[in-house]
Amino acid sequence: MTREIELLWGLREPGRRGPKPKLNREGVVRAAVAVADAEGLEGVSMQRVARELGYTTMSLYRHVDSKEDLLVLMVDAAMAQDPPEPRADGDWRAGIQAWVSGCREMYRRHPWVVFAAVFGPPLGPNGLRWMEAGLRELVGAGLTTADAVQVLMTVSGVVRDTCRIELDMRRA
């Protein structure tokens, strides 16, 4: 987990030699997200992303250590849209409904995310912003932080699985 946190927060960059590269990690992730949006997760490979960028596969490894690391970064990048703002009226139900709608929009914009492996709560900056937004509404409703985390993980899982089922049904 520490490795993923370092990766997502830019605390660990692969070593570099030679002149400053024209390609950067953000560009690699952006290209990989575009490939996944067009072709699904199965279309994403280091070779395919490199070809999309006009670079060799090996050049990507200067910016991302592995495909697994790339997928972690892609999922967080897919969540870059801002979560709903806090509700001024304190209506936590409407706040959670807006949060769920925002999640569904993200899954519809980037459907491959529902097929990406998830192992626990979000660790990256974008995922944490979304988690914080949902927790804010639930804690505002009177739940303890621990209960709010459990409820939010359950709601998040239901939204994700529902979107995955919708996709599967459309494919069938």
N, C-alpha and C. Protein backbone atom coordinates (compact mmCIF):
# COMPACT_ATOMS: atom_id res chain seq x y z
N MET A 1 0.82 -1.18 0.00
CA MET A 1 0.00 0.00 0.00
C MET A 1 0.87 1.26 0.00
N THR A 2 1.95 1.27 0.73
CA THR A 2 2.85 2.42 0.76
C THR A 2 3.35 2.74 -0.65
N ARG A 3 3.65 1.69 -1.41
CA ARG A 3 4.13 1.88 -2.78
C ARG A 3 3.08 2.59 -3.62
N GLU A 4 1.79 2.19 -3.49
CA GLU A 4 0.72 2.83 -4.24
C GLU A 4 0.54 4.28 -3.82
N ILE A 5 0.63 4.56 -2.53
CA ILE A 5 0.50 5.95 -2.05
C ILE A 5 1.61 6.80 -2.64
N GLU A 6 2.82 6.31 -2.62
CA GLU A 6 3.94 7.06 -3.20
C GLU A 6 3.72 7.30 -4.69
N LEU A 7 3.21 6.31 -5.39
CA LEU A 7 2.96 6.42 -6.82
C LEU A 7 1.86 7.45 -7.09
N LEU A 8 0.73 7.34 -6.41
CA LEU A 8 -0.42 8.20 -6.65
C LEU A 8 -0.16 9.66 -6.28
N TRP A 9 0.66 9.88 -5.30
CA TRP A 9 0.92 11.24 -4.85
C TRP A 9 2.22 11.81 -5.44
N GLY A 10 2.82 11.07 -6.37
CA GLY A 10 4.02 11.58 -7.04
C GLY A 10 5.24 11.62 -6.16
N LEU A 11 5.27 10.80 -5.13
CA LEU A 11 6.41 10.78 -4.22
C LEU A 11 7.53 9.87 -4.70
N ARG A 12 7.20 9.01 -5.67
CA ARG A 12 8.18 8.07 -6.19
C ARG A 12 8.18 8.18 -7.70
N GLU A 13 9.24 8.67 -8.22
CA GLU A 13 9.40 8.78 -9.67
C GLU A 13 10.50 7.82 -10.09
N PRO A 14 10.29 7.10 -11.19
CA PRO A 14 11.37 6.23 -11.68
C PRO A 14 12.62 7.06 -11.97
N GLY A 15 13.79 6.46 -11.79
CA GLY A 15 15.04 7.15 -12.06
C GLY A 15 15.16 7.54 -13.52
N ARG A 16 15.82 8.67 -13.76
CA ARG A 16 15.97 9.15 -15.14
C ARG A 16 17.42 9.45 -15.42
N ARG A 17 17.80 9.23 -16.67
CA ARG A 17 19.14 9.58 -17.15
C ARG A 17 18.97 10.32 -18.45
N GLY A 18 19.95 11.10 -18.79
CA GLY A 18 19.95 11.77 -20.08
C GLY A 18 19.15 13.06 -20.07
N PRO A 19 18.84 13.55 -21.28
CA PRO A 19 18.13 14.83 -21.38
C PRO A 19 16.71 14.73 -20.84
N LYS A 20 16.14 15.89 -20.52
CA LYS A 20 14.78 15.94 -20.00
C LYS A 20 13.82 15.37 -21.05
N PRO A 21 13.02 14.39 -20.67
CA PRO A 21 12.13 13.76 -21.64
C PRO A 21 10.97 14.68 -22.04
N LYS A 22 10.50 14.51 -23.27
CA LYS A 22 9.35 15.26 -23.75
C LYS A 22 8.07 14.66 -23.20
N LEU A 23 8.11 13.39 -22.89
CA LEU A 23 6.97 12.67 -22.36
C LEU A 23 7.01 12.72 -20.85
N ASN A 24 5.84 12.78 -20.22
CA ASN A 24 5.79 12.75 -18.76
C ASN A 24 4.72 11.77 -18.29
N ARG A 25 4.69 11.52 -16.99
CA ARG A 25 3.77 10.54 -16.42
C ARG A 25 2.32 10.91 -16.72
N GLU A 26 1.98 12.19 -16.59
CA GLU A 26 0.60 12.61 -16.84
C GLU A 26 0.19 12.33 -18.28
N GLY A 27 1.11 12.54 -19.22
CA GLY A 27 0.82 12.26 -20.62
C GLY A 27 0.59 10.78 -20.87
N VAL A 28 1.38 9.95 -20.22
CA VAL A 28 1.23 8.49 -20.35
C VAL A 28 -0.13 8.07 -19.79
N VAL A 29 -0.48 8.58 -18.63
CA VAL A 29 -1.76 8.22 -18.00
C VAL A 29 -2.92 8.72 -18.86
N ARG A 30 -2.83 9.94 -19.34
CA ARG A 30 -3.89 10.51 -20.20
C ARG A 30 -4.10 9.64 -21.44
N ALA A 31 -3.02 9.21 -22.06
CA ALA A 31 -3.11 8.36 -23.26
C ALA A 31 -3.71 7.00 -22.90
N ALA A 32 -3.32 6.45 -21.78
CA ALA A 32 -3.86 5.15 -21.36
C ALA A 32 -5.36 5.24 -21.08
N VAL A 33 -5.78 6.32 -20.45
CA VAL A 33 -7.22 6.53 -20.20
C VAL A 33 -7.97 6.64 -21.52
N ALA A 34 -7.40 7.35 -22.48
CA ALA A 34 -8.05 7.48 -23.79
C ALA A 34 -8.17 6.12 -24.48
N VAL A 35 -7.15 5.30 -24.38
CA VAL A 35 -7.21 3.95 -24.97
C VAL A 35 -8.30 3.13 -24.26
N ALA A 36 -8.33 3.20 -22.93
CA ALA A 36 -9.34 2.44 -22.18
C ALA A 36 -10.75 2.94 -22.49
N ASP A 37 -10.91 4.24 -22.64
CA ASP A 37 -12.22 4.79 -22.98
C ASP A 37 -12.69 4.28 -24.34
N ALA A 38 -11.76 4.15 -25.27
CA ALA A 38 -12.11 3.72 -26.63
C ALA A 38 -12.22 2.21 -26.77
N GLU A 39 -11.35 1.47 -26.06
CA GLU A 39 -11.24 0.03 -26.30
C GLU A 39 -11.49 -0.84 -25.08
N GLY A 40 -11.71 -0.24 -23.95
CA GLY A 40 -11.88 -1.00 -22.71
C GLY A 40 -10.53 -1.34 -22.10
N LEU A 41 -10.58 -1.87 -20.89
CA LEU A 41 -9.35 -2.22 -20.17
C LEU A 41 -8.53 -3.24 -20.93
N GLU A 42 -9.20 -4.14 -21.63
CA GLU A 42 -8.47 -5.17 -22.37
C GLU A 42 -7.61 -4.57 -23.48
N GLY A 43 -7.91 -3.37 -23.91
CA GLY A 43 -7.11 -2.72 -24.95
C GLY A 43 -5.86 -2.05 -24.43
N VAL A 44 -5.76 -1.91 -23.12
CA VAL A 44 -4.62 -1.19 -22.52
C VAL A 44 -3.45 -2.14 -22.31
N SER A 45 -2.36 -1.82 -22.95
CA SER A 45 -1.09 -2.49 -22.72
C SER A 45 -0.02 -1.41 -22.83
N MET A 46 1.13 -1.69 -22.28
CA MET A 46 2.21 -0.71 -22.38
C MET A 46 2.55 -0.47 -23.85
N GLN A 47 2.53 -1.53 -24.64
CA GLN A 47 2.84 -1.41 -26.06
C GLN A 47 1.79 -0.56 -26.78
N ARG A 48 0.51 -0.77 -26.47
CA ARG A 48 -0.56 -0.02 -27.12
C ARG A 48 -0.50 1.46 -26.75
N VAL A 49 -0.25 1.77 -25.50
CA VAL A 49 -0.17 3.16 -25.04
C VAL A 49 1.04 3.84 -25.68
N ALA A 50 2.16 3.13 -25.74
CA ALA A 50 3.37 3.69 -26.37
C ALA A 50 3.10 4.01 -27.84
N ARG A 51 2.43 3.10 -28.52
CA ARG A 51 2.11 3.32 -29.94
C ARG A 51 1.21 4.54 -30.10
N GLU A 52 0.26 4.69 -29.20
CA GLU A 52 -0.65 5.85 -29.23
C GLU A 52 0.13 7.17 -29.10
N LEU A 53 1.17 7.13 -28.30
CA LEU A 53 1.98 8.33 -28.04
C LEU A 53 3.10 8.53 -29.07
N GLY A 54 3.36 7.50 -29.87
CA GLY A 54 4.45 7.59 -30.83
C GLY A 54 5.82 7.36 -30.21
N TYR A 55 5.85 6.56 -29.16
CA TYR A 55 7.10 6.24 -28.47
C TYR A 55 7.29 4.73 -28.45
N THR A 56 8.46 4.30 -28.03
CA THR A 56 8.69 2.87 -27.85
C THR A 56 8.11 2.44 -26.51
N THR A 57 7.82 1.17 -26.39
CA THR A 57 7.28 0.64 -25.14
C THR A 57 8.25 0.91 -23.99
N MET A 58 9.52 0.69 -24.23
CA MET A 58 10.52 0.88 -23.16
C MET A 58 10.54 2.32 -22.65
N SER A 59 10.22 3.30 -23.51
CA SER A 59 10.26 4.69 -23.07
C SER A 59 9.20 4.97 -22.01
N LEU A 60 8.12 4.21 -22.01
CA LEU A 60 7.08 4.41 -21.00
C LEU A 60 7.57 4.02 -19.61
N TYR A 61 8.49 3.06 -19.56
CA TYR A 61 8.98 2.60 -18.26
C TYR A 61 9.85 3.64 -17.55
N ARG A 62 10.16 4.72 -18.21
CA ARG A 62 10.83 5.84 -17.54
C ARG A 62 9.84 6.60 -16.67
N HIS A 63 8.56 6.41 -16.94
CA HIS A 63 7.52 7.18 -16.26
C HIS A 63 6.60 6.34 -15.40
N VAL A 64 6.44 5.07 -15.76
CA VAL A 64 5.57 4.15 -15.03
C VAL A 64 6.29 2.81 -14.97
N ASP A 65 6.41 2.26 -13.77
CA ASP A 65 7.19 1.03 -13.59
C ASP A 65 6.54 -0.22 -14.17
N SER A 66 5.19 -0.24 -14.23
CA SER A 66 4.51 -1.46 -14.67
C SER A 66 3.10 -1.13 -15.13
N LYS A 67 2.48 -2.09 -15.79
CA LYS A 67 1.09 -1.91 -16.19
C LYS A 67 0.20 -1.79 -14.96
N GLU A 68 0.50 -2.51 -13.91
CA GLU A 68 -0.28 -2.43 -12.68
C GLU A 68 -0.25 -1.02 -12.11
N ASP A 69 0.94 -0.41 -12.11
CA ASP A 69 1.05 0.98 -11.65
C ASP A 69 0.26 1.91 -12.55
N LEU A 70 0.31 1.66 -13.84
CA LEU A 70 -0.44 2.48 -14.79
C LEU A 70 -1.93 2.40 -14.50
N LEU A 71 -2.44 1.21 -14.22
CA LEU A 71 -3.87 1.04 -13.93
C LEU A 71 -4.27 1.79 -12.66
N VAL A 72 -3.43 1.76 -11.65
CA VAL A 72 -3.70 2.51 -10.41
C VAL A 72 -3.82 4.00 -10.73
N LEU A 73 -2.90 4.50 -11.50
CA LEU A 73 -2.92 5.92 -11.88
C LEU A 73 -4.11 6.25 -12.76
N MET A 74 -4.48 5.35 -13.65
CA MET A 74 -5.61 5.57 -14.54
C MET A 74 -6.92 5.69 -13.76
N VAL A 75 -7.12 4.82 -12.79
CA VAL A 75 -8.36 4.86 -12.01
C VAL A 75 -8.47 6.19 -11.27
N ASP A 76 -7.38 6.62 -10.66
CA ASP A 76 -7.43 7.90 -9.96
C ASP A 76 -7.65 9.05 -10.95
N ALA A 77 -7.02 8.99 -12.11
CA ALA A 77 -7.21 10.04 -13.12
C ALA A 77 -8.65 10.09 -13.61
N ALA A 78 -9.31 8.94 -13.70
CA ALA A 78 -10.70 8.90 -14.14
C ALA A 78 -11.62 9.63 -13.17
N MET A 79 -11.15 9.79 -11.93
CA MET A 79 -11.96 10.46 -10.90
C MET A 79 -11.60 11.94 -10.76
N ALA A 80 -10.98 12.51 -11.77
CA ALA A 80 -10.49 13.89 -11.68
C ALA A 80 -11.60 14.93 -11.61
N GLN A 81 -12.78 14.62 -12.10
CA GLN A 81 -13.88 15.59 -12.02
C GLN A 81 -14.19 15.87 -10.57
N ASP A 82 -14.49 17.11 -10.26
CA ASP A 82 -14.76 17.48 -8.87
C ASP A 82 -16.03 16.82 -8.35
N PRO A 83 -16.00 16.35 -7.11
CA PRO A 83 -17.22 15.81 -6.50
C PRO A 83 -18.19 16.94 -6.19
N PRO A 84 -19.43 16.60 -5.87
CA PRO A 84 -20.40 17.65 -5.54
C PRO A 84 -19.93 18.50 -4.36
N GLU A 85 -20.31 19.75 -4.40
CA GLU A 85 -20.00 20.68 -3.30
C GLU A 85 -20.85 20.35 -2.08
N PRO A 86 -20.41 20.77 -0.90
CA PRO A 86 -21.24 20.55 0.29
C PRO A 86 -22.59 21.26 0.13
N ARG A 87 -23.62 20.65 0.63
CA ARG A 87 -24.95 21.25 0.55
C ARG A 87 -25.09 22.31 1.64
N ALA A 88 -25.54 23.47 1.25
CA ALA A 88 -25.73 24.56 2.20
C ALA A 88 -26.93 24.31 3.10
N ASP A 89 -27.92 23.55 2.61
CA ASP A 89 -29.15 23.33 3.38
C ASP A 89 -29.04 22.16 4.35
N GLY A 90 -27.93 21.42 4.32
CA GLY A 90 -27.75 20.30 5.24
C GLY A 90 -28.56 19.06 4.89
N ASP A 91 -29.15 19.02 3.72
CA ASP A 91 -29.94 17.86 3.29
C ASP A 91 -29.00 16.75 2.87
N TRP A 92 -28.66 15.86 3.82
CA TRP A 92 -27.66 14.82 3.55
C TRP A 92 -28.16 13.82 2.51
N ARG A 93 -29.46 13.56 2.47
CA ARG A 93 -29.99 12.61 1.46
C ARG A 93 -29.76 13.16 0.05
N ALA A 94 -30.06 14.43 -0.14
CA ALA A 94 -29.82 15.05 -1.45
C ALA A 94 -28.32 15.09 -1.74
N GLY A 95 -27.52 15.29 -0.70
CA GLY A 95 -26.06 15.30 -0.87
C GLY A 95 -25.53 13.95 -1.32
N ILE A 96 -26.01 12.87 -0.70
CA ILE A 96 -25.59 11.53 -1.11
C ILE A 96 -26.13 11.20 -2.49
N GLN A 97 -27.34 11.64 -2.79
CA GLN A 97 -27.90 11.40 -4.13
C GLN A 97 -27.04 12.09 -5.19
N ALA A 98 -26.58 13.31 -4.93
CA ALA A 98 -25.70 14.02 -5.86
C ALA A 98 -24.37 13.28 -5.99
N TRP A 99 -23.87 12.76 -4.88
CA TRP A 99 -22.61 12.02 -4.88
C TRP A 99 -22.74 10.75 -5.73
N VAL A 100 -23.84 10.01 -5.53
CA VAL A 100 -24.09 8.79 -6.31
C VAL A 100 -24.22 9.14 -7.80
N SER A 101 -24.94 10.19 -8.11
CA SER A 101 -25.09 10.62 -9.52
C SER A 101 -23.74 10.97 -10.13
N GLY A 102 -22.89 11.63 -9.36
CA GLY A 102 -21.55 11.96 -9.85
C GLY A 102 -20.72 10.71 -10.11
N CYS A 103 -20.83 9.73 -9.23
CA CYS A 103 -20.12 8.45 -9.43
C CYS A 103 -20.62 7.76 -10.69
N ARG A 104 -21.94 7.71 -10.86
CA ARG A 104 -22.50 7.08 -12.06
C ARG A 104 -22.04 7.78 -13.32
N GLU A 105 -21.99 9.11 -13.30
CA GLU A 105 -21.48 9.86 -14.46
C GLU A 105 -20.05 9.47 -14.78
N MET A 106 -19.21 9.36 -13.74
CA MET A 106 -17.81 8.98 -13.95
C MET A 106 -17.72 7.58 -14.55
N TYR A 107 -18.51 6.63 -14.04
CA TYR A 107 -18.50 5.27 -14.57
C TYR A 107 -19.01 5.23 -16.00
N ARG A 108 -19.93 6.07 -16.33
CA ARG A 108 -20.45 6.10 -17.71
C ARG A 108 -19.45 6.76 -18.66
N ARG A 109 -18.72 7.74 -18.16
CA ARG A 109 -17.70 8.40 -18.96
C ARG A 109 -16.48 7.50 -19.16
N HIS A 110 -16.17 6.73 -18.15
CA HIS A 110 -15.01 5.81 -18.16
C HIS A 110 -15.48 4.42 -17.73
N PRO A 111 -16.24 3.73 -18.57
CA PRO A 111 -16.86 2.45 -18.16
C PRO A 111 -15.87 1.38 -17.74
N TRP A 112 -14.66 1.42 -18.23
CA TRP A 112 -13.64 0.43 -17.87
C TRP A 112 -13.31 0.44 -16.39
N VAL A 113 -13.58 1.55 -15.71
CA VAL A 113 -13.22 1.65 -14.28
C VAL A 113 -13.95 0.60 -13.46
N VAL A 114 -15.18 0.24 -13.85
CA VAL A 114 -15.92 -0.75 -13.06
C VAL A 114 -15.29 -2.13 -13.15
N PHE A 115 -14.41 -2.35 -14.11
CA PHE A 115 -13.74 -3.65 -14.25
C PHE A 115 -12.33 -3.64 -13.67
N ALA A 116 -11.86 -2.50 -13.23
CA ALA A 116 -10.53 -2.40 -12.63
C ALA A 116 -10.58 -2.98 -11.21
N ALA A 117 -9.55 -3.71 -10.84
CA ALA A 117 -9.49 -4.31 -9.50
C ALA A 117 -9.38 -3.21 -8.45
N VAL A 118 -10.19 -3.33 -7.41
CA VAL A 118 -10.16 -2.37 -6.30
C VAL A 118 -9.91 -3.15 -5.03
N PHE A 119 -8.92 -2.71 -4.27
CA PHE A 119 -8.55 -3.39 -3.04
C PHE A 119 -8.58 -2.41 -1.88
N GLY A 120 -9.76 -2.01 -1.46
CA GLY A 120 -9.88 -1.11 -0.33
C GLY A 120 -10.24 0.29 -0.74
N PRO A 121 -10.18 1.20 0.23
CA PRO A 121 -10.57 2.58 -0.05
C PRO A 121 -9.57 3.26 -0.99
N PRO A 122 -9.99 4.37 -1.58
CA PRO A 122 -9.09 5.08 -2.50
C PRO A 122 -7.87 5.62 -1.77
N LEU A 123 -6.76 5.67 -2.51
CA LEU A 123 -5.52 6.16 -1.92
C LEU A 123 -5.01 7.42 -2.62
N GLY A 124 -5.48 7.68 -3.83
CA GLY A 124 -4.99 8.81 -4.61
C GLY A 124 -5.75 10.08 -4.31
N PRO A 125 -5.23 11.20 -4.78
CA PRO A 125 -5.85 12.51 -4.47
C PRO A 125 -7.27 12.64 -4.99
N ASN A 126 -7.56 12.16 -6.18
CA ASN A 126 -8.91 12.30 -6.73
C ASN A 126 -9.89 11.38 -6.01
N GLY A 127 -9.49 10.14 -5.80
CA GLY A 127 -10.35 9.21 -5.09
C GLY A 127 -10.64 9.67 -3.66
N LEU A 128 -9.64 10.23 -3.01
CA LEU A 128 -9.84 10.72 -1.64
C LEU A 128 -10.78 11.92 -1.61
N ARG A 129 -10.73 12.78 -2.62
CA ARG A 129 -11.66 13.93 -2.67
C ARG A 129 -13.10 13.44 -2.75
N TRP A 130 -13.31 12.39 -3.58
CA TRP A 130 -14.66 11.83 -3.70
C TRP A 130 -15.09 11.17 -2.39
N MET A 131 -14.18 10.45 -1.77
CA MET A 131 -14.51 9.79 -0.51
C MET A 131 -14.85 10.83 0.56
N GLU A 132 -14.04 11.87 0.63
CA GLU A 132 -14.28 12.93 1.61
C GLU A 132 -15.65 13.59 1.39
N ALA A 133 -16.02 13.81 0.12
CA ALA A 133 -17.31 14.43 -0.19
C ALA A 133 -18.46 13.55 0.31
N GLY A 134 -18.36 12.24 0.08
CA GLY A 134 -19.41 11.34 0.55
C GLY A 134 -19.45 11.25 2.07
N LEU A 135 -18.29 11.18 2.68
CA LEU A 135 -18.22 11.11 4.14
C LEU A 135 -18.78 12.37 4.78
N ARG A 136 -18.52 13.50 4.19
CA ARG A 136 -19.00 14.78 4.71
C ARG A 136 -20.53 14.74 4.85
N GLU A 137 -21.21 14.20 3.85
CA GLU A 137 -22.67 14.12 3.90
C GLU A 137 -23.15 13.16 4.97
N LEU A 138 -22.49 12.00 5.07
CA LEU A 138 -22.93 10.99 6.03
C LEU A 138 -22.63 11.38 7.47
N VAL A 139 -21.48 11.99 7.69
CA VAL A 139 -21.16 12.46 9.05
C VAL A 139 -22.10 13.60 9.41
N GLY A 140 -22.45 14.43 8.43
CA GLY A 140 -23.42 15.51 8.65
C GLY A 140 -24.80 14.98 9.02
N ALA A 141 -25.08 13.75 8.63
CA ALA A 141 -26.36 13.11 8.98
C ALA A 141 -26.35 12.55 10.39
N GLY A 142 -25.19 12.58 11.04
CA GLY A 142 -25.10 12.11 12.42
C GLY A 142 -24.38 10.79 12.60
N LEU A 143 -23.90 10.19 11.53
CA LEU A 143 -23.16 8.94 11.66
C LEU A 143 -21.77 9.21 12.24
N THR A 144 -21.24 8.22 12.96
CA THR A 144 -19.85 8.32 13.39
C THR A 144 -18.98 8.17 12.14
N THR A 145 -17.75 8.57 12.23
CA THR A 145 -16.85 8.44 11.09
C THR A 145 -16.71 6.99 10.66
N ALA A 146 -16.58 6.09 11.62
CA ALA A 146 -16.43 4.67 11.29
C ALA A 146 -17.68 4.14 10.58
N ASP A 147 -18.86 4.50 11.06
CA ASP A 147 -20.09 4.06 10.41
C ASP A 147 -20.24 4.70 9.03
N ALA A 148 -19.86 5.96 8.93
CA ALA A 148 -19.95 6.65 7.64
C ALA A 148 -19.05 5.98 6.60
N VAL A 149 -17.85 5.55 7.00
CA VAL A 149 -16.95 4.86 6.08
C VAL A 149 -17.59 3.56 5.61
N GLN A 150 -18.16 2.79 6.54
CA GLN A 150 -18.80 1.53 6.16
C GLN A 150 -19.97 1.76 5.21
N VAL A 151 -20.81 2.73 5.51
CA VAL A 151 -21.97 3.03 4.66
C VAL A 151 -21.50 3.49 3.28
N LEU A 152 -20.51 4.36 3.25
CA LEU A 152 -20.03 4.88 1.97
C LEU A 152 -19.40 3.78 1.12
N MET A 153 -18.65 2.87 1.73
CA MET A 153 -18.07 1.76 0.98
C MET A 153 -19.17 0.85 0.42
N THR A 154 -20.23 0.67 1.19
CA THR A 154 -21.35 -0.14 0.72
C THR A 154 -22.06 0.55 -0.44
N VAL A 155 -22.37 1.82 -0.29
CA VAL A 155 -23.04 2.58 -1.35
C VAL A 155 -22.16 2.61 -2.60
N SER A 156 -20.89 2.86 -2.41
CA SER A 156 -19.95 2.91 -3.54
C SER A 156 -19.92 1.58 -4.28
N GLY A 157 -19.89 0.48 -3.54
CA GLY A 157 -19.88 -0.84 -4.15
C GLY A 157 -21.16 -1.12 -4.92
N VAL A 158 -22.29 -0.69 -4.38
CA VAL A 158 -23.57 -0.89 -5.06
C VAL A 158 -23.61 -0.10 -6.36
N VAL A 159 -23.16 1.15 -6.31
CA VAL A 159 -23.15 1.98 -7.53
C VAL A 159 -22.24 1.35 -8.58
N ARG A 160 -21.07 0.95 -8.17
CA ARG A 160 -20.10 0.34 -9.09
C ARG A 160 -20.65 -0.95 -9.70
N ASP A 161 -21.20 -1.82 -8.86
CA ASP A 161 -21.73 -3.08 -9.36
C ASP A 161 -22.96 -2.87 -10.24
N THR A 162 -23.80 -1.91 -9.90
CA THR A 162 -24.96 -1.61 -10.74
C THR A 162 -24.51 -1.13 -12.11
N CYS A 163 -23.52 -0.26 -12.15
CA CYS A 163 -23.00 0.21 -13.44
C CYS A 163 -22.36 -0.93 -14.23
N ARG A 164 -21.68 -1.83 -13.55
CA ARG A 164 -21.07 -2.98 -14.21
C ARG A 164 -22.16 -3.89 -14.80
N ILE A 165 -23.23 -4.11 -14.06
CA ILE A 165 -24.33 -4.93 -14.56
C ILE A 165 -24.98 -4.27 -15.78
N GLU A 166 -25.18 -2.95 -15.71
CA GLU A 166 -25.73 -2.22 -16.87
C GLU A 166 -24.86 -2.42 -18.10
N LEU A 167 -23.56 -2.32 -17.92
CA LEU A 167 -22.63 -2.52 -19.04
C LEU A 167 -22.71 -3.94 -19.58
N ASP A 168 -22.72 -4.90 -18.68
CA ASP A 168 -22.81 -6.31 -19.09
C ASP A 168 -24.10 -6.56 -19.86
N MET A 169 -25.19 -5.97 -19.41
CA MET A 169 -26.48 -6.17 -20.09
C MET A 169 -26.46 -5.53 -21.47
N ARG A 170 -25.85 -4.37 -21.60
CA ARG A 170 -25.74 -3.72 -22.91
C ARG A 170 -24.88 -4.55 -23.87
N ARG A 171 -23.81 -5.14 -23.33
CA ARG A 171 -22.92 -5.97 -24.15
C ARG A 171 -23.63 -7.25 -24.61
N ALA A 172 -24.49 -7.79 -23.73
CA ALA A 172 -25.19 -9.03 -24.06
C ALA A 172 -26.27 -8.73 -25.09
